[in-house]
Amino acid sequence: MGPDQLDVNVQLQDGDSIIALDEDDLAIIEDAENDSSKVVTKTPARPYQLGYISVFCIIINKMIG
């Protein structure tokens, strides 16, 4: 199946941001899922992600210490 045969429009909405995947990205992900020597990870759900304030505090903490 060549790239001309694919008609894919995959979007993931997380809050206000939209992440769109094209055919090349989907092919890379599919190949990685089928290859046992590669690791495919997924981002954590919203309650487990670091917020902007947490990241800012970590950076400030590293700059101080």
PDB file of N, CA and C in Angstrom:
ATOM      1  N   MET A   1       0.851  -1.173   0.000  1.00  0.00           N
ATOM      2  CA  MET A   1       0.000   0.000   0.000  1.00  0.00           C
ATOM      3  C   MET A   1       0.895   1.233   0.000  1.00  0.00           C
ATOM      4  N   GLY A   2       0.844   2.028  -1.049  1.00  0.00           N
ATOM      5  CA  GLY A   2       1.687   3.208  -1.166  1.00  0.00           C
ATOM      6  C   GLY A   2       1.079   4.416  -0.476  1.00  0.00           C
ATOM      7  N   PRO A   3       1.845   5.473  -0.317  1.00  0.00           N
ATOM      8  CA  PRO A   3       1.353   6.656   0.361  1.00  0.00           C
ATOM      9  C   PRO A   3       0.202   7.339  -0.373  1.00  0.00           C
ATOM     10  N   ASP A   4       0.110   7.123  -1.704  1.00  0.00           N
ATOM     11  CA  ASP A   4      -0.981   7.743  -2.454  1.00  0.00           C
ATOM     12  C   ASP A   4      -2.324   7.087  -2.142  1.00  0.00           C
ATOM     13  N   GLN A   5      -2.305   5.858  -1.647  1.00  0.00           N
ATOM     14  CA  GLN A   5      -3.538   5.141  -1.373  1.00  0.00           C
ATOM     15  C   GLN A   5      -4.091   5.453   0.004  1.00  0.00           C
ATOM     16  N   LEU A   6      -3.281   6.072   0.856  1.00  0.00           N
ATOM     17  CA  LEU A   6      -3.726   6.356   2.208  1.00  0.00           C
ATOM     18  C   LEU A   6      -4.449   7.695   2.269  1.00  0.00           C
ATOM     19  N   ASP A   7      -5.572   7.728   2.927  1.00  0.00           N
ATOM     20  CA  ASP A   7      -6.280   8.970   3.176  1.00  0.00           C
ATOM     21  C   ASP A   7      -6.525   9.027   4.676  1.00  0.00           C
ATOM     22  N   VAL A   8      -5.547   9.531   5.396  1.00  0.00           N
ATOM     23  CA  VAL A   8      -5.587   9.482   6.847  1.00  0.00           C
ATOM     24  C   VAL A   8      -5.564  10.898   7.396  1.00  0.00           C
ATOM     25  N   ASN A   9      -6.435  11.172   8.322  1.00  0.00           N
ATOM     26  CA  ASN A   9      -6.445  12.451   9.020  1.00  0.00           C
ATOM     27  C   ASN A   9      -6.664  12.149  10.494  1.00  0.00           C
ATOM     28  N   VAL A  10      -5.594  11.917  11.214  1.00  0.00           N
ATOM     29  CA  VAL A  10      -5.677  11.559  12.621  1.00  0.00           C
ATOM     30  C   VAL A  10      -5.300  12.778  13.439  1.00  0.00           C
ATOM     31  N   GLN A  11      -6.153  13.141  14.384  1.00  0.00           N
ATOM     32  CA  GLN A  11      -5.878  14.263  15.261  1.00  0.00           C
ATOM     33  C   GLN A  11      -6.153  13.853  16.689  1.00  0.00           C
ATOM     34  N   LEU A  12      -5.296  14.304  17.579  1.00  0.00           N
ATOM     35  CA  LEU A  12      -5.455  14.052  18.995  1.00  0.00           C
ATOM     36  C   LEU A  12      -5.589  15.399  19.668  1.00  0.00           C
ATOM     37  N   GLN A  13      -6.693  15.615  20.347  1.00  0.00           N
ATOM     38  CA  GLN A  13      -6.897  16.890  21.011  1.00  0.00           C
ATOM     39  C   GLN A  13      -6.655  16.708  22.500  1.00  0.00           C
ATOM     40  N   ASP A  14      -5.752  17.523  23.023  1.00  0.00           N
ATOM     41  CA  ASP A  14      -5.407  17.485  24.435  1.00  0.00           C
ATOM     42  C   ASP A  14      -5.506  18.910  24.956  1.00  0.00           C
ATOM     43  N   GLY A  15      -6.608  19.221  25.599  1.00  0.00           N
ATOM     44  CA  GLY A  15      -6.809  20.588  26.064  1.00  0.00           C
ATOM     45  C   GLY A  15      -7.024  21.492  24.874  1.00  0.00           C
ATOM     46  N   ASP A  16      -6.199  22.525  24.763  1.00  0.00           N
ATOM     47  CA  ASP A  16      -6.324  23.477  23.665  1.00  0.00           C
ATOM     48  C   ASP A  16      -5.441  23.128  22.482  1.00  0.00           C
ATOM     49  N   SER A  17      -4.533  22.155  22.631  1.00  0.00           N
ATOM     50  CA  SER A  17      -3.616  21.832  21.547  1.00  0.00           C
ATOM     51  C   SER A  17      -4.133  20.643  20.735  1.00  0.00           C
ATOM     52  N   ILE A  18      -3.827  20.676  19.455  1.00  0.00           N
ATOM     53  CA  ILE A  18      -4.204  19.593  18.546  1.00  0.00           C
ATOM     54  C   ILE A  18      -2.923  19.052  17.919  1.00  0.00           C
ATOM     55  N   ILE A  19      -2.741  17.749  18.004  1.00  0.00           N
ATOM     56  CA  ILE A  19      -1.580  17.098  17.408  1.00  0.00           C
ATOM     57  C   ILE A  19      -2.081  16.296  16.213  1.00  0.00           C
ATOM     58  N   ALA A  20      -1.584  16.622  15.036  1.00  0.00           N
ATOM     59  CA  ALA A  20      -2.015  15.920  13.827  1.00  0.00           C
ATOM     60  C   ALA A  20      -0.879  15.036  13.330  1.00  0.00           C
ATOM     61  N   LEU A  21      -1.226  13.836  12.904  1.00  0.00           N
ATOM     62  CA  LEU A  21      -0.245  12.893  12.365  1.00  0.00           C
ATOM     63  C   LEU A  21      -0.496  12.720  10.880  1.00  0.00           C
ATOM     64  N   ASP A  22       0.579  12.765  10.100  1.00  0.00           N
ATOM     65  CA  ASP A  22       0.438  12.507   8.672  1.00  0.00           C
ATOM     66  C   ASP A  22       0.752  11.040   8.389  1.00  0.00           C
ATOM     67  N   GLU A  23       0.728  10.678   7.116  1.00  0.00           N
ATOM     68  CA  GLU A  23       0.911   9.277   6.737  1.00  0.00           C
ATOM     69  C   GLU A  23       2.286   8.751   7.136  1.00  0.00           C
ATOM     70  N   ASP A  24       3.322   9.596   7.009  1.00  0.00           N
ATOM     71  CA  ASP A  24       4.677   9.172   7.366  1.00  0.00           C
ATOM     72  C   ASP A  24       4.787   8.864   8.851  1.00  0.00           C
ATOM     73  N   ASP A  25       4.182   9.730   9.683  1.00  0.00           N
ATOM     74  CA  ASP A  25       4.217   9.506  11.131  1.00  0.00           C
ATOM     75  C   ASP A  25       3.496   8.212  11.502  1.00  0.00           C
ATOM     76  N   LEU A  26       2.346   7.991  10.894  1.00  0.00           N
ATOM     77  CA  LEU A  26       1.578   6.778  11.191  1.00  0.00           C
ATOM     78  C   LEU A  26       2.322   5.525  10.746  1.00  0.00           C
ATOM     79  N   ALA A  27       3.027   5.612   9.618  1.00  0.00           N
ATOM     80  CA  ALA A  27       3.798   4.460   9.140  1.00  0.00           C
ATOM     81  C   ALA A  27       4.940   4.143  10.097  1.00  0.00           C
ATOM     82  N   ILE A  28       5.604   5.169  10.602  1.00  0.00           N
ATOM     83  CA  ILE A  28       6.696   4.958  11.562  1.00  0.00           C
ATOM     84  C   ILE A  28       6.169   4.320  12.836  1.00  0.00           C
ATOM     85  N   ILE A  29       5.031   4.802  13.321  1.00  0.00           N
ATOM     86  CA  ILE A  29       4.444   4.249  14.541  1.00  0.00           C
ATOM     87  C   ILE A  29       4.013   2.806  14.324  1.00  0.00           C
ATOM     88  N   GLU A  30       3.399   2.535  13.198  1.00  0.00           N
ATOM     89  CA  GLU A  30       2.947   1.168  12.907  1.00  0.00           C
ATOM     90  C   GLU A  30       4.126   0.206  12.794  1.00  0.00           C
ATOM     91  N   ASP A  31       5.206   0.648  12.127  1.00  0.00           N
ATOM     92  CA  ASP A  31       6.397  -0.198  12.020  1.00  0.00           C
ATOM     93  C   ASP A  31       7.006  -0.466  13.395  1.00  0.00           C
ATOM     94  N   ALA A  32       7.033   0.552  14.240  1.00  0.00           N
ATOM     95  CA  ALA A  32       7.609   0.391  15.579  1.00  0.00           C
ATOM     96  C   ALA A  32       6.760  -0.535  16.442  1.00  0.00           C
ATOM     97  N   GLU A  33       5.437  -0.471  16.292  1.00  0.00           N
ATOM     98  CA  GLU A  33       4.563  -1.354  17.076  1.00  0.00           C
ATOM     99  C   GLU A  33       4.733  -2.812  16.662  1.00  0.00           C
ATOM    100  N   ASN A  34       5.054  -3.059  15.401  1.00  0.00           N
ATOM    101  CA  ASN A  34       5.209  -4.426  14.908  1.00  0.00           C
ATOM    102  C   ASN A  34       6.629  -4.967  15.087  1.00  0.00           C
ATOM    103  N   ASP A  35       7.585  -4.101  15.422  1.00  0.00           N
ATOM    104  CA  ASP A  35       8.979  -4.510  15.586  1.00  0.00           C
ATOM    105  C   ASP A  35       9.274  -4.667  17.076  1.00  0.00           C
ATOM    106  N   SER A  36       9.661  -5.879  17.478  1.00  0.00           N
ATOM    107  CA  SER A  36       9.880  -6.139  18.905  1.00  0.00           C
ATOM    108  C   SER A  36      11.146  -5.476  19.442  1.00  0.00           C
ATOM    109  N   SER A  37      12.014  -4.994  18.566  1.00  0.00           N
ATOM    110  CA  SER A  37      13.237  -4.351  19.040  1.00  0.00           C
ATOM    111  C   SER A  37      13.047  -2.857  19.307  1.00  0.00           C
ATOM    112  N   LYS A  38      11.868  -2.323  18.997  1.00  0.00           N
ATOM    113  CA  LYS A  38      11.584  -0.905  19.208  1.00  0.00           C
ATOM    114  C   LYS A  38      10.559  -0.747  20.322  1.00  0.00           C
ATOM    115  N   VAL A  39      10.589   0.392  20.956  1.00  0.00           N
ATOM    116  CA  VAL A  39       9.678   0.670  22.066  1.00  0.00           C
ATOM    117  C   VAL A  39       8.765   1.821  21.676  1.00  0.00           C
ATOM    118  N   VAL A  40       7.467   1.625  21.842  1.00  0.00           N
ATOM    119  CA  VAL A  40       6.488   2.673  21.583  1.00  0.00           C
ATOM    120  C   VAL A  40       5.853   3.025  22.920  1.00  0.00           C
ATOM    121  N   THR A  41       5.934   4.293  23.283  1.00  0.00           N
ATOM    122  CA  THR A  41       5.337   4.729  24.543  1.00  0.00           C
ATOM    123  C   THR A  41       4.233   5.731  24.269  1.00  0.00           C
ATOM    124  N   LYS A  42       3.358   5.850  25.212  1.00  0.00           N
ATOM    125  CA  LYS A  42       2.267   6.809  25.109  1.00  0.00           C
ATOM    126  C   LYS A  42       2.400   7.807  26.258  1.00  0.00           C
ATOM    127  N   THR A  43       1.993   9.031  26.027  1.00  0.00           N
ATOM    128  CA  THR A  43       2.096  10.042  27.075  1.00  0.00           C
ATOM    129  C   THR A  43       1.088   9.743  28.175  1.00  0.00           C
ATOM    130  N   PRO A  44       1.397  10.137  29.397  1.00  0.00           N
ATOM    131  CA  PRO A  44       0.478   9.876  30.499  1.00  0.00           C
ATOM    132  C   PRO A  44      -0.811  10.669  30.362  1.00  0.00           C
ATOM    133  N   ALA A  45      -1.845  10.190  31.040  1.00  0.00           N
ATOM    134  CA  ALA A  45      -3.132  10.883  31.021  1.00  0.00           C
ATOM    135  C   ALA A  45      -2.995  12.250  31.687  1.00  0.00           C
ATOM    136  N   ARG A  46      -3.942  13.098  31.477  1.00  0.00           N
ATOM    137  CA  ARG A  46      -3.886  14.481  31.941  1.00  0.00           C
ATOM    138  C   ARG A  46      -3.560  14.621  33.432  1.00  0.00           C
ATOM    139  N   PRO A  47      -4.161  13.870  34.358  1.00  0.00           N
ATOM    140  CA  PRO A  47      -3.856  14.105  35.773  1.00  0.00           C
ATOM    141  C   PRO A  47      -2.408  13.794  36.150  1.00  0.00           C
ATOM    142  N   TYR A  48      -1.700  13.021  35.332  1.00  0.00           N
ATOM    143  CA  TYR A  48      -0.340  12.617  35.651  1.00  0.00           C
ATOM    144  C   TYR A  48       0.719  13.439  34.923  1.00  0.00           C
ATOM    145  N   GLN A  49       0.302  14.404  34.128  1.00  0.00           N
ATOM    146  CA  GLN A  49       1.261  15.243  33.415  1.00  0.00           C
ATOM    147  C   GLN A  49       1.683  16.411  34.297  1.00  0.00           C
ATOM    148  N   LEU A  50       2.916  16.868  34.096  1.00  0.00           N
ATOM    149  CA  LEU A  50       3.375  18.047  34.810  1.00  0.00           C
ATOM    150  C   LEU A  50       2.776  19.292  34.182  1.00  0.00           C
ATOM    151  N   GLY A  51       2.338  20.202  35.007  1.00  0.00           N
ATOM    152  CA  GLY A  51       1.798  21.468  34.524  1.00  0.00           C
ATOM    153  C   GLY A  51       2.901  22.482  34.288  1.00  0.00           C
ATOM    154  N   TYR A  52       2.531  23.625  33.739  1.00  0.00           N
ATOM    155  CA  TYR A  52       3.504  24.664  33.442  1.00  0.00           C
ATOM    156  C   TYR A  52       4.181  25.177  34.717  1.00  0.00           C
ATOM    157  N   ILE A  53       3.424  25.320  35.780  1.00  0.00           N
ATOM    158  CA  ILE A  53       3.984  25.827  37.034  1.00  0.00           C
ATOM    159  C   ILE A  53       4.973  24.829  37.615  1.00  0.00           C
ATOM    160  N   SER A  54       4.663  23.546  37.547  1.00  0.00           N
ATOM    161  CA  SER A  54       5.576  22.523  38.059  1.00  0.00           C
ATOM    162  C   SER A  54       6.892  22.525  37.293  1.00  0.00           C
ATOM    163  N   VAL A  55       6.827  22.618  35.972  1.00  0.00           N
ATOM    164  CA  VAL A  55       8.037  22.649  35.153  1.00  0.00           C
ATOM    165  C   VAL A  55       8.845  23.903  35.459  1.00  0.00           C
ATOM    166  N   PHE A  56       8.174  25.039  35.597  1.00  0.00           N
ATOM    167  CA  PHE A  56       8.843  26.286  35.932  1.00  0.00           C
ATOM    168  C   PHE A  56       9.562  26.170  37.277  1.00  0.00           C
ATOM    169  N   CYS A  57       8.901  25.599  38.263  1.00  0.00           N
ATOM    170  CA  CYS A  57       9.503  25.445  39.590  1.00  0.00           C
ATOM    171  C   CYS A  57      10.707  24.498  39.555  1.00  0.00           C
ATOM    172  N   ILE A  58      10.628  23.442  38.763  1.00  0.00           N
ATOM    173  CA  ILE A  58      11.765  22.519  38.643  1.00  0.00           C
ATOM    174  C   ILE A  58      12.964  23.239  38.032  1.00  0.00           C
ATOM    175  N   ILE A  59      12.729  24.034  37.006  1.00  0.00           N
ATOM    176  CA  ILE A  59      13.822  24.766  36.356  1.00  0.00           C
ATOM    177  C   ILE A  59      14.440  25.777  37.320  1.00  0.00           C
ATOM    178  N   ILE A  60      13.612  26.527  38.037  1.00  0.00           N
ATOM    179  CA  ILE A  60      14.115  27.501  39.012  1.00  0.00           C
ATOM    180  C   ILE A  60      14.898  26.792  40.108  1.00  0.00           C
ATOM    181  N   ASN A  61      14.401  25.654  40.572  1.00  0.00           N
ATOM    182  CA  ASN A  61      15.069  24.886  41.605  1.00  0.00           C
ATOM    183  C   ASN A  61      16.458  24.450  41.128  1.00  0.00           C
ATOM    184  N   LYS A  62      16.558  23.985  39.885  1.00  0.00           N
ATOM    185  CA  LYS A  62      17.856  23.565  39.350  1.00  0.00           C
ATOM    186  C   LYS A  62      18.803  24.750  39.178  1.00  0.00           C
ATOM    187  N   MET A  63      18.267  25.912  38.851  1.00  0.00           N
ATOM    188  CA  MET A  63      19.116  27.100  38.688  1.00  0.00           C
ATOM    189  C   MET A  63      19.651  27.570  40.041  1.00  0.00           C
ATOM    190  N   ILE A  64      18.847  27.458  41.084  1.00  0.00           N
ATOM    191  CA  ILE A  64      19.273  27.873  42.419  1.00  0.00           C
ATOM    192  C   ILE A  64      20.271  26.888  42.998  1.00  0.00           C
ATOM    193  N   GLY A  65      19.953  25.616  42.896  1.00  0.00           N
ATOM    194  CA  GLY A  65      20.780  24.596  43.550  1.00  0.00           C
ATOM    195  C   GLY A  65      21.819  24.105  42.641  1.00  0.00           C
TER     196      GLY A  65
END
